[in-house]
Every structure is written in structure tokens, then in C-alpha cells.
Amino acid sequence: MNQYDCLIAGGGVIGCSIAYRLAKAGLSVAVFDAGKAGVASMAAGGMLGAQNEFEHENPLMDIALVSRDMFTDIRDELIEESGIDIELRKAGLLKVAATTADRPALLDQYEFLSGKDSTVQWLEPDDVPTVEQCMSKDTAGAIYLEKDNQVKAPLLARAFLQAAVNAGVHVYEQEPVHQVLVEQSRVRGVKTTKRVYHSDRFITAAGAWSGEMFADAEFNPPVIPVKGECVSVKLTEAAPVKTVFAVDGCYIVPKRNKEMLIGATSHPGIFDPSVTAGGVRSLLNRAARLLPVLDQGTIERTWSGMRPQTSDGLPIIGAHPAVAGHYICTGHYRNGILLSPVTGVLMEKLLNGCEKTAASLAPFSPSRFLKEESFS
């Protein structure tokens, strides 16, 4: 089969969430991935930090909160549709000032968040271990975000992929899109390494690799990879239950088997997947300062992932400014897991002509990167 209602480049959690929603709406859909579908999303820690991520007003926050609050229903839906439990863990998140220098910024964030949600709590250093007993008292305070929960990212990626396949989506692995076929400024299909596929709608959702879709195009949205190294530590006895996120960006995400996922370094513009000794040492030092119990654990594994970041920090979601039928959905940076449920729903509505959805996505439109003289 080479004729579809919609083609999608990118088999990660975003691409598969979109594919699943489109197929459930009755469209025939094909997903193309340069490697194995879902692998890119498996590097994530699985945090649902809809409050943790925001320190001031941001057009993404409302969408992030909606997506976070979808996860209880998404868990149940994906179990039914795929048979996979995404391991939603409702233990909350502690955002911590590791040093006194971090405290003022964290207090400012607390004032912003608590003004919107009365459940947000400020904890003085002595109070932190009363909320998470494994935490050190040697901090400068913390915010407790009881609604910022977590899932197991590899399971979420697999669940969306399997649910999409069960809904009728065709997934083509090891088959990257090499060329978007355009006639008279309208999408007509794509050319992969193996053949040509036809459709009048195409979605670029290839994460950090999305730029490859625009290599020879006049419009090239500013998305770069940000490499993040991670390490996991397995504990045998006392183990934290709450996610811990330091102001300096180090995080510890406890999983059900007492495996602590620790991340992540930040190296913009790098696709090299190797993990450095210096990166692991930095993560372990920062994490153990907050959770001394980590020193008693054993290193299970190390890995890295590529996060897609845009030049203004907001994702790109919307119609291509010059090619009808081409949609772009990328640049979710470290919030791809969090935003995956709502992104699938929004893209399904957008492709089906919902004007309200189009208006709500205006801040994320690809057109915001146009120069005034472009496409005139």
C-alpha cells in the first residue's frame, strides 16, 4: 500500500500519539522511522513536570497542565488499546535549591506557581526530609509539586506505538523519509529509501532529526539536538518515591524496581550518542548530594538521548507556512513525554479543520520564524 490519508516522519512518542489519534478518527496513516520506532523516546526520564518547567507566564503552560491531567485516563486507555501499563506513579515532585545561590530563583518560582495553585508548597531545609525521607537536610529549600507525577517513558512510547498499530497504522521502520514531494506548493507524498508513498498530508514529527526534512527547503525551522547523558542506580533497601529535580537541572526519577534514573547533561548541537565519564561523574555527584542513599547503590546502565530544542524554547506545532498539507510538530525539548497525549489530540483536531484548535496553537506556529520578506 502506498496511498494514505496522512504520512508521518518520526516514530517516537509524539509521532505515534498523533498517528494513534488520526487512526482512531478514521484516517489511514503511515509512520516512517529511520531506525526502530519508539527508541528515541525511551531515553527520557518520564517526568510530567507541567509546573516544574515554568517560572513565569508561558503560552505552553496551559497546554502542559492539560496534558499532565490527561495521564490517568491515558493510562487506562492505553492498557485497553495496547495491553501495556505505562506505570503512572503519583508521588509528586520536589524541586530543590541545592545551594543558597539557587534559593532566590526557586522562591520566585514558588510565588508564581502558588499564585495559580494552592497545593504548591514551600519547604524549608528541615522540612524537606519530612516529605521525602531519603532527602538530605543540606539544601536551601524546595517546592513540593504534588501533581507533577511520572511515567516510565519506554513503556509510554511502546504503548502509543502498539495502540497505533492496533488502530490500523502502518509503521515502516529502518525507512527514513528522504524527500517531501511537493507540486504547486502542495504536498503530494514522500520518497523514502525504498519507495514513494502518496498523500496530500504529511507531518514532520522527527524530533531532533526534524531538520533533515527541510535540508533543501527555503524554510528551515530552527531545531537543534541537545544531547543529554543519563545514568541509573539500583538501590536495594531505602529508596525515595518522589521525583527530585534540582534548580541546576539534575534530576532523580525513582522507578518501581528501586532503579533511580539520574539525568541529564546538556550538550547542544551534538548527535554523538556516547556517554562520557565526566558526564556520569557530574550527575552522580550532584544527585548524591541531594539523595545520599545513592552512594549505597550500584550503577545499572548509562545512556544518552537527543532532545529537540527550538531557538525560542517553544515547540513548533502547526501548518508549514508555504507548503499546503505539510504540518510540523517538533521541538518539544525535554517535555515530549509530558506533552504527547495533548499533542496527538490537538493535531487530530487541527488536521480536521478545527478553527478553535488552530487559534490555540498560534503561539507555536512555524510561521513565527519567518522573516518579513520570506514567501512574499
Protein backbone atom coordinates (compact mmCIF):
# COMPACT_ATOMS: atom_id res chain seq x y z
CA MET A 1 0.00 0.00 0.00
CA ASN A 2 1.42 3.39 -0.92
CA GLN A 3 -1.62 5.72 -0.69
CA TYR A 4 -2.62 7.13 2.71
CA ASP A 5 -4.67 9.94 4.20
CA CYS A 6 -1.63 11.09 6.21
CA LEU A 7 2.09 10.32 6.36
CA ILE A 8 4.22 10.97 9.46
CA ALA A 9 8.01 11.16 9.70
CA GLY A 10 9.07 10.10 13.18
CA GLY A 11 8.07 7.05 15.19
CA GLY A 12 8.73 8.48 18.63
CA VAL A 13 6.17 9.17 21.31
CA ILE A 14 4.93 12.34 19.57
CA GLY A 15 4.63 10.78 16.12
CA CYS A 16 2.90 7.67 17.46
CA SER A 17 0.49 9.67 19.63
CA ILE A 18 -0.54 11.67 16.55
CA ALA A 19 -0.81 8.53 14.42
CA TYR A 20 -2.96 6.83 17.02
CA ARG A 21 -5.41 9.75 17.25
CA LEU A 22 -5.65 10.13 13.47
CA ALA A 23 -6.30 6.42 13.01
CA LYS A 24 -8.96 6.45 15.72
CA ALA A 25 -10.59 9.30 13.80
CA GLY A 26 -10.81 7.06 10.73
CA LEU A 27 -7.78 8.13 8.70
CA SER A 28 -5.33 5.76 7.02
CA VAL A 29 -1.88 6.59 8.41
CA ALA A 30 1.72 5.56 7.78
CA VAL A 31 4.63 6.30 10.13
CA PHE A 32 8.25 6.25 8.94
CA ASP A 33 11.26 5.94 11.23
CA ALA A 34 14.92 5.96 10.32
CA GLY A 35 15.58 3.32 12.98
CA LYS A 36 13.36 1.39 15.34
CA ALA A 37 10.14 3.19 16.24
CA GLY A 38 9.95 4.49 19.79
CA VAL A 39 13.66 4.21 20.57
CA ALA A 40 14.38 7.95 20.68
CA SER A 41 11.69 8.48 23.31
CA MET A 42 13.00 5.71 25.55
CA ALA A 43 15.89 7.85 26.80
CA ALA A 44 13.57 10.16 28.74
CA GLY A 45 13.11 10.12 32.50
CA GLY A 46 9.33 10.18 32.20
CA MET A 47 8.67 13.27 34.33
CA LEU A 48 5.32 15.00 33.94
CA GLY A 49 6.65 18.36 35.14
CA ALA A 50 3.87 20.65 33.98
CA GLN A 51 4.55 23.01 36.90
CA ASN A 52 8.21 22.25 37.43
CA GLU A 53 9.12 23.55 33.98
CA PHE A 54 7.64 27.05 34.35
CA GLU A 55 8.93 30.00 36.34
CA HIS A 56 6.77 32.73 34.74
CA GLU A 57 3.94 33.14 32.26
CA ASN A 58 4.40 30.97 29.20
CA PRO A 59 1.94 30.05 26.41
CA LEU A 60 2.96 26.42 26.78
CA MET A 61 1.97 26.11 30.43
CA ASP A 62 -1.79 25.75 29.94
CA ILE A 63 -1.30 23.02 27.34
CA ALA A 64 1.22 21.28 29.59
CA LEU A 65 -1.21 21.28 32.51
CA VAL A 66 -3.98 19.85 30.33
CA SER A 67 -1.67 17.12 29.08
CA ARG A 68 -0.47 16.22 32.58
CA ASP A 69 -4.04 15.89 33.78
CA MET A 70 -4.85 13.52 30.90
CA PHE A 71 -2.47 10.82 32.11
CA THR A 72 -4.81 8.90 34.40
CA ASP A 73 -7.25 8.42 31.53
CA ILE A 74 -4.39 7.83 29.07
CA ARG A 75 -3.01 5.08 31.29
CA ASP A 76 -6.36 3.30 31.30
CA GLU A 77 -6.93 3.88 27.59
CA LEU A 78 -3.52 2.59 26.58
CA ILE A 79 -3.85 -0.51 28.74
CA GLU A 80 -7.07 -1.27 26.90
CA GLU A 81 -5.75 -0.38 23.44
CA SER A 82 -2.24 -1.82 23.71
CA GLY A 83 -2.11 -4.08 26.76
CA ILE A 84 0.82 -2.06 28.12
CA ASP A 85 0.86 -0.40 31.56
CA ILE A 86 2.78 2.89 31.38
CA GLU A 87 3.46 2.76 35.16
CA LEU A 88 1.97 6.10 36.13
CA ARG A 89 3.42 6.91 39.54
CA LYS A 90 1.58 9.51 41.60
CA ALA A 91 4.16 10.58 44.16
CA GLY A 92 4.80 14.19 43.15
CA LEU A 93 8.00 16.14 42.56
CA LEU A 94 10.39 18.11 44.76
CA LYS A 95 12.17 20.98 43.06
CA VAL A 96 15.20 21.70 45.19
CA ALA A 97 17.61 24.57 45.74
CA ALA A 98 20.86 22.68 46.22
CA THR A 99 22.73 25.83 47.30
CA THR A 100 21.84 29.18 48.83
CA ALA A 101 22.56 30.76 45.45
CA ASP A 102 19.66 28.76 43.99
CA ARG A 103 17.16 29.81 46.67
CA PRO A 104 16.03 33.25 45.37
CA ALA A 105 15.09 31.91 41.93
CA LEU A 106 13.23 28.99 43.47
CA LEU A 107 11.32 31.30 45.80
CA ASP A 108 10.32 33.41 42.81
CA GLN A 109 9.07 30.28 41.06
CA TYR A 110 7.14 29.30 44.19
CA GLU A 111 5.41 32.70 44.28
CA PHE A 112 4.44 32.31 40.63
CA LEU A 113 3.17 28.73 40.91
CA SER A 114 1.43 29.05 44.28
CA GLY A 115 -0.48 32.06 42.94
CA LYS A 116 -2.08 29.69 40.43
CA ASP A 117 -2.40 26.53 42.54
CA SER A 118 -2.81 26.46 46.31
CA THR A 119 -1.49 22.88 46.54
CA VAL A 120 2.04 24.07 45.71
CA GLN A 121 4.07 24.02 48.94
CA TRP A 122 7.28 25.72 50.04
CA LEU A 123 9.56 23.60 52.23
CA GLU A 124 12.38 24.96 54.38
CA PRO A 125 15.51 22.78 54.55
CA ASP A 126 14.48 20.98 57.74
CA ASP A 127 11.06 20.22 56.25
CA VAL A 128 12.34 18.58 53.08
CA PRO A 129 13.09 15.16 54.66
CA THR A 130 9.61 15.08 56.18
CA VAL A 131 8.17 14.97 52.66
CA GLU A 132 10.87 12.66 51.22
CA GLN A 133 12.71 10.80 53.97
CA CYS A 134 15.70 9.95 51.80
CA MET A 135 16.43 13.61 51.09
CA SER A 136 19.34 15.43 52.67
CA LYS A 137 18.73 18.34 55.06
CA ASP A 138 21.66 20.06 53.39
CA THR A 139 19.61 22.08 50.88
CA ALA A 140 18.36 25.63 50.72
CA GLY A 141 14.68 24.70 50.47
CA ALA A 142 12.34 23.11 47.98
CA ILE A 143 8.98 23.36 46.24
CA TYR A 144 6.69 20.35 46.56
CA LEU A 145 4.56 19.82 43.46
CA GLU A 146 2.19 17.01 44.36
CA LYS A 147 0.57 16.87 40.90
CA ASP A 148 3.77 16.60 38.84
CA ASN A 149 3.93 12.83 38.58
CA GLN A 150 5.82 10.46 36.29
CA VAL A 151 5.54 7.50 33.94
CA LYS A 152 8.01 5.01 32.54
CA ALA A 153 8.99 6.58 29.23
CA PRO A 154 9.89 3.39 27.31
CA LEU A 155 6.53 1.89 28.23
CA LEU A 156 4.65 5.02 27.14
CA ALA A 157 6.49 5.01 23.79
CA ARG A 158 5.73 1.31 23.28
CA ALA A 159 2.10 1.75 24.33
CA PHE A 160 1.41 4.57 21.86
CA LEU A 161 3.19 2.61 19.13
CA GLN A 162 1.23 -0.59 19.79
CA ALA A 163 -2.05 1.29 20.15
CA ALA A 164 -1.39 2.98 16.80
CA VAL A 165 -0.63 -0.34 15.11
CA ASN A 166 -3.74 -1.91 16.63
CA ALA A 167 -5.75 1.03 15.28
CA GLY A 168 -4.51 0.27 11.77
CA VAL A 169 -1.42 2.47 11.43
CA HIS A 170 1.30 1.10 9.15
CA VAL A 171 4.76 1.57 10.68
CA TYR A 172 7.78 1.47 8.39
CA GLU A 173 11.00 1.06 10.38
CA GLN A 174 14.52 1.49 9.02
CA GLU A 175 12.90 3.61 6.29
CA PRO A 176 13.65 7.32 6.66
CA VAL A 177 11.91 9.98 4.60
CA HIS A 178 14.47 11.40 2.19
CA GLN A 179 12.29 13.84 0.28
CA VAL A 180 8.93 15.51 0.67
CA LEU A 181 7.23 15.55 -2.72
CA VAL A 182 5.68 18.94 -3.46
CA GLU A 183 3.78 20.13 -6.55
CA GLN A 184 2.45 23.65 -6.91
CA SER A 185 3.18 24.36 -3.23
CA ARG A 186 1.18 21.36 -2.03
CA VAL A 187 2.29 18.06 -0.50
CA ARG A 188 1.83 15.07 -2.79
CA GLY A 189 3.73 12.44 -0.83
CA VAL A 190 7.19 11.41 0.28
CA LYS A 191 10.13 9.48 -1.06
CA THR A 192 11.87 7.10 1.34
CA THR A 193 14.92 4.92 0.92
CA LYS A 194 12.67 2.22 -0.54
CA ARG A 195 9.78 3.74 -2.49
CA VAL A 196 7.34 6.61 -3.00
CA TYR A 197 4.23 7.00 -0.83
CA HIS A 198 1.35 9.27 -1.77
CA SER A 199 -0.73 11.57 0.42
CA ASP A 200 -1.85 15.18 0.48
CA ARG A 201 -0.98 15.49 4.17
CA PHE A 202 2.42 14.99 5.78
CA ILE A 203 3.59 15.63 9.34
CA THR A 204 7.19 16.18 10.33
CA ALA A 205 7.49 14.79 13.87
CA ALA A 206 11.06 13.53 13.83
CA GLY A 207 12.24 15.27 17.00
CA ALA A 208 15.90 16.29 16.92
CA TRP A 209 16.15 14.93 13.37
CA SER A 210 13.28 17.06 12.01
CA GLY A 211 15.68 19.44 10.28
CA GLU A 212 16.53 16.74 7.77
CA MET A 213 13.05 17.20 6.25
CA PHE A 214 14.00 20.79 5.35
CA ALA A 215 17.60 20.39 4.24
CA ASP A 216 16.90 21.62 0.70
CA ALA A 217 13.95 23.86 1.52
CA GLU A 218 13.73 27.63 1.75
CA PHE A 219 12.05 27.41 5.14
CA ASN A 220 14.02 25.52 7.79
CA PRO A 221 12.64 25.72 11.33
CA PRO A 222 15.37 26.28 13.95
CA VAL A 223 15.52 22.94 15.77
CA ILE A 224 18.78 21.62 17.18
CA PRO A 225 19.63 18.44 19.08
CA VAL A 226 20.58 18.79 22.74
CA LYS A 227 22.39 15.66 23.86
CA GLY A 228 21.65 14.51 27.40
CA GLU A 229 23.65 11.82 29.21
CA CYS A 230 21.98 9.73 31.93
CA VAL A 231 22.86 7.04 34.44
CA SER A 232 20.74 4.73 36.56
CA VAL A 233 21.50 3.48 40.08
CA LYS A 234 19.83 0.43 41.60
CA LEU A 235 19.08 0.53 45.33
CA THR A 236 18.34 -2.49 47.49
CA GLU A 237 16.90 -1.02 50.68
CA ALA A 238 15.74 2.55 51.39
CA ALA A 239 14.62 4.27 48.19
CA PRO A 240 12.94 7.60 47.50
CA VAL A 241 9.48 7.67 45.99
CA LYS A 242 9.27 11.27 44.80
CA THR A 243 10.97 12.73 41.77
CA VAL A 244 13.73 15.16 42.75
CA PHE A 245 14.66 17.98 40.40
CA ALA A 246 17.44 20.40 41.27
CA VAL A 247 17.47 24.02 40.11
CA ASP A 248 20.74 23.25 38.29
CA GLY A 249 18.89 20.71 36.09
CA CYS A 250 19.96 17.44 37.71
CA TYR A 251 17.03 15.11 38.34
CA ILE A 252 16.41 11.74 40.00
CA VAL A 253 13.32 9.77 38.95
CA PRO A 254 12.54 6.69 41.10
CA LYS A 255 11.06 3.72 39.30
CA ARG A 256 9.10 0.82 40.78
CA ASN A 257 12.03 -1.59 40.94
CA LYS A 258 14.14 0.84 43.04
CA GLU A 259 16.05 1.94 39.95
CA MET A 260 16.88 5.64 40.13
CA LEU A 261 17.11 7.39 36.76
CA ILE A 262 19.57 10.28 37.02
CA GLY A 263 19.95 12.91 34.33
CA ALA A 264 20.78 14.84 32.40
CA THR A 265 23.76 16.67 30.99
CA SER A 266 23.16 19.23 28.25
CA HIS A 267 25.27 19.43 25.08
CA PRO A 268 23.62 21.49 22.29
CA GLY A 269 24.22 20.64 18.67
CA ILE A 270 25.64 17.15 19.29
CA PHE A 271 24.31 13.89 17.85
CA ASP A 272 27.14 11.71 19.23
CA PRO A 273 25.39 9.12 21.47
CA SER A 274 28.46 8.26 23.58
CA VAL A 275 28.37 8.73 27.37
CA THR A 276 31.41 10.38 28.95
CA ALA A 277 32.97 9.59 32.31
CA GLY A 278 32.85 13.29 33.16
CA GLY A 279 29.15 13.46 32.43
CA VAL A 280 28.37 10.48 34.64
CA ARG A 281 30.61 11.77 37.44
CA SER A 282 28.91 15.16 37.37
CA LEU A 283 25.44 13.61 37.55
CA LEU A 284 26.33 11.23 40.38
CA ASN A 285 28.00 13.97 42.44
CA ARG A 286 25.04 16.33 42.12
CA ALA A 287 22.45 13.63 42.70
CA ALA A 288 24.15 12.09 45.76
CA ARG A 289 24.37 15.49 47.40
CA LEU A 290 20.57 15.59 47.40
CA LEU A 291 19.98 11.88 48.00
CA PRO A 292 22.94 10.42 49.95
CA VAL A 293 21.37 6.96 49.75
CA LEU A 294 22.50 6.81 46.12
CA ASP A 295 26.06 6.13 47.30
CA GLN A 296 24.86 2.72 48.52
CA GLY A 297 23.54 1.72 45.11
CA THR A 298 25.09 0.10 42.09
CA ILE A 299 25.31 1.57 38.60
CA GLU A 300 22.92 -0.31 36.33
CA ARG A 301 23.40 1.39 32.97
CA THR A 302 24.26 4.60 31.17
CA TRP A 303 22.71 6.06 28.03
CA SER A 304 22.11 9.28 26.15
CA GLY A 305 19.27 10.89 24.23
CA MET A 306 18.74 13.78 21.83
CA ARG A 307 16.20 16.43 22.84
CA PRO A 308 14.83 18.72 20.09
CA GLN A 309 15.13 22.37 21.11
CA THR A 310 13.93 25.41 19.20
CA SER A 311 15.57 28.82 19.22
CA ASP A 312 12.81 30.35 21.37
CA GLY A 313 12.19 27.36 23.62
CA LEU A 314 8.64 26.68 22.43
CA PRO A 315 7.62 23.66 20.37
CA ILE A 316 6.68 24.02 16.73
CA ILE A 317 3.12 22.83 16.11
CA GLY A 318 1.18 23.86 13.04
CA ALA A 319 1.00 24.22 9.28
CA HIS A 320 4.05 24.81 7.11
CA PRO A 321 3.99 28.49 6.07
CA ALA A 322 4.48 27.81 2.37
CA VAL A 323 3.50 24.20 1.61
CA ALA A 324 -0.15 23.24 1.92
CA GLY A 325 -0.71 19.91 3.62
CA HIS A 326 2.67 19.89 5.37
CA TYR A 327 2.43 20.12 9.16
CA ILE A 328 5.29 20.43 11.62
CA CYS A 329 5.22 19.02 15.13
CA THR A 330 8.60 19.07 16.83
CA GLY A 331 10.79 20.98 19.27
CA HIS A 332 9.21 19.64 22.46
CA TYR A 333 12.69 19.64 24.06
CA ARG A 334 12.54 17.75 27.39
CA ASN A 335 8.75 17.76 27.53
CA GLY A 336 7.95 15.26 24.80
CA ILE A 337 6.66 12.64 27.25
CA LEU A 338 4.56 15.18 29.14
CA LEU A 339 3.08 16.73 26.00
CA SER A 340 2.49 13.56 23.99
CA PRO A 341 -1.18 12.99 24.93
CA VAL A 342 -2.36 16.52 24.23
CA THR A 343 -0.23 16.83 21.09
CA GLY A 344 -1.95 13.85 19.50
CA VAL A 345 -5.38 15.27 20.29
CA LEU A 346 -4.51 18.77 19.07
CA MET A 347 -3.01 17.55 15.80
CA GLU A 348 -6.03 15.39 15.05
CA LYS A 349 -8.31 18.40 15.57
CA LEU A 350 -6.03 20.68 13.56
CA LEU A 351 -5.95 18.34 10.57
CA ASN A 352 -9.73 18.05 10.71
CA GLY A 353 -10.12 21.81 10.42
CA CYS A 354 -10.96 22.87 13.98
CA GLU A 355 -10.59 26.66 14.00
CA LYS A 356 -10.54 26.86 17.80
CA THR A 357 -7.59 24.47 17.92
CA ALA A 358 -5.76 26.43 15.22
CA ALA A 359 -6.21 29.61 17.25
CA SER A 360 -4.94 27.95 20.45
CA LEU A 361 -1.83 26.76 18.62
CA ALA A 362 -0.98 30.20 17.20
CA PRO A 363 1.93 30.79 19.65
CA PHE A 364 3.57 27.60 18.37
CA SER A 365 3.04 28.20 14.66
CA PRO A 366 6.03 27.57 12.35
CA SER A 367 5.26 30.95 10.80
CA ARG A 368 6.70 32.75 13.83
CA PHE A 369 10.17 32.07 12.45
CA LEU A 370 9.50 33.71 9.08
CA LYS A 371 11.32 36.84 8.11
CA GLU A 372 9.01 39.54 6.83
CA GLU A 373 10.28 39.23 3.30
CA SER A 374 10.03 35.42 3.14
CA PHE A 375 7.42 33.86 0.90
CA SER A 376 6.11 37.26 -0.19
